Amino acid sequence: MDIIKQSSIAQPKKPFNYVYWVQRALILFSTVTLFLPAFFPARITDKISKYCSIFTAAVSYSNLTANVGLGFRYISALTFRLVQLSGIAIVIGVAVAGIGGCMSLGNNKMRLRGGMFPMIGAGLILLGDIFARVAFGRFDAELKAAGKKLGQLQPGRSLDFFLVFAIFLFVISAVLFVSEFKNEREEHMEMQEKYKLFLYILPILMLAFIFSYLPLWGWRYAFFDYKSGADLTADNFVGFKWFGYLFSSEVTRSDIMRVLKNTLVMSSLGILTSWFPVAFAIFLSEIRSTGFRKSVQILTTIPNFISWVLVYAIAFAFFSTEGFVNDLIENITKVAADANYLQNDNLSWIKMLAWGTWKGLGWSAIIYIAAISGVDQSLYEAAMVDGAGRFKRMWHITVPALIPTYCVMLMLSIANILSNGMEQYLVFSNPINKNTLEVLDLYVYNLGIVNSNGGAMIPLSTVVSMAKSLISVFLLFVANNVSKAIRGENII
């Protein structure tokens, strides 16, 4: 059957296979350029932010025109709308071309239908290039009519790049489209399994690249004496100055040791209580009433989707000086109660652990509930025949079945020991409990944003963040080797 299935997915002639990969590489490269400010083709003036990319211009008119200010006295809004339309056309064109590139991974019939998409995408990119050129022309004419200069720029190489790219993509796609008429087309638009799996995971890879890898470009600030609004040039390049400052400054060393203590304590408490979701999942699965079990699962999962700001609002309503707890004590004892359970420094770590457990218990248990549903039910039936009670079945069947999953999650927690998140500690911190609640992520935020002294501490905060990331990667590999030594299996 596999041989028949593979033979049904006919491939084009070998020379055209290489052409298809060239086409896909071009589309992939054009996708990356959407997020790089250097490739923004319609930068008609230096008043447009240097961080504005094609994608930014397409989705946000306000960001595109944020720095123009009084320039609108001389330049019409239509000119900047043309700039935005240029970005929109190029973004849609690249997306349409990408759809065709994905369809070209299928059989001949799918390749034929998908061959039209890159041509349409190339046309839209060309339209975006035309919009950008018209915007340059209008900008120049309007400034000359007003007799003003507003940081005027000449059309750059990126404008010519998209023109050449659109023409080349159209030509190569047209050649591939015509060539497909010569190939026998199948009835079903099937795709090889390996390509299906790749396309399934492609959105996740794109999100990981945009939100996890692309921001690493910001690490370059660690090597400059950077202040907010300044440019990164050879004049303010300082090499490893801030790396040395991290260890040479007594104040910085003291702060780092304090936040590391808070971070490690909170992470250790999380690891020590990591069995809570396992126990919760086991006991939840033992509830016989399906309706009640689902209700409990829903009610315990909902807090995960509540923001920490709302969690703090709930905590404030219950535990502030005038909150529900003090009112209840006052009504019962008839004695004025004004204890500040929320903002004092007593048991801060335990309180944060409690709020974190309440918020994430149900969500963390989902993976264990899924693992329990995969346990062979015949094991439970055999145990019942042998006279094993409910707790013995839980202990000797369910718990061993969950140990592999728990070990993987535990190893990942150990590898991620320096990352506690920031939101929880940010909303709950105040001048009274700051010394015990400021973890490493919050310290980086406070150092770089809140207490940056005009942006002067941004390089130092970048260094701390880099160190944390590199140590986390190292711990991940250590945890992976430990898992391989103990369980005989890798976690990555």
Foldseek 3Di string as FASTA:
>chain_A
DVVVVVVLQDDADPVVVVLLVVLLVLLVVLVVQQQQLVLLQQCFFPQADSRQGLVNLQPDLCNRCVRCPPVCVQAPVVLSVLSNLLSVLLVVLSVQSNQLSLQCQWGLVSNLVSLVRNLVSLVSNLVSLVSSVVSNVRVVVSCVVVVHDGRGDDRDVSSVVSNVSSVVSNVSSVVSNVSSVVDDDHPDGGGDPVSVVCVVCVVVVVVCCVPPVVCCVVLQLLQFQDFPPDDDDPVGGRGNVLVVVCPPDPVNVVLVVLQAVLLLVLLVVCLVCVCLLVVVLLVLVPDPDPVVSVVVLVVQQVLLPDFLLVVVVVCCQDAAQPHDVQVVVCVVVVDHGRDRPQAAQPPVSVVLVVSVCSRCSSVSNPVLNVLQVPFPVVVVVVCVVVPDDPVRCCVVGSVVSCVVVSLLVSLLSQLLSQDPDARNLVNRHDPRNCSNSNHLVNVLCCCQPVVVVRRSRPSNSSSSVVVSVVSSVVSSVVSQVVCCVPVVHGSD
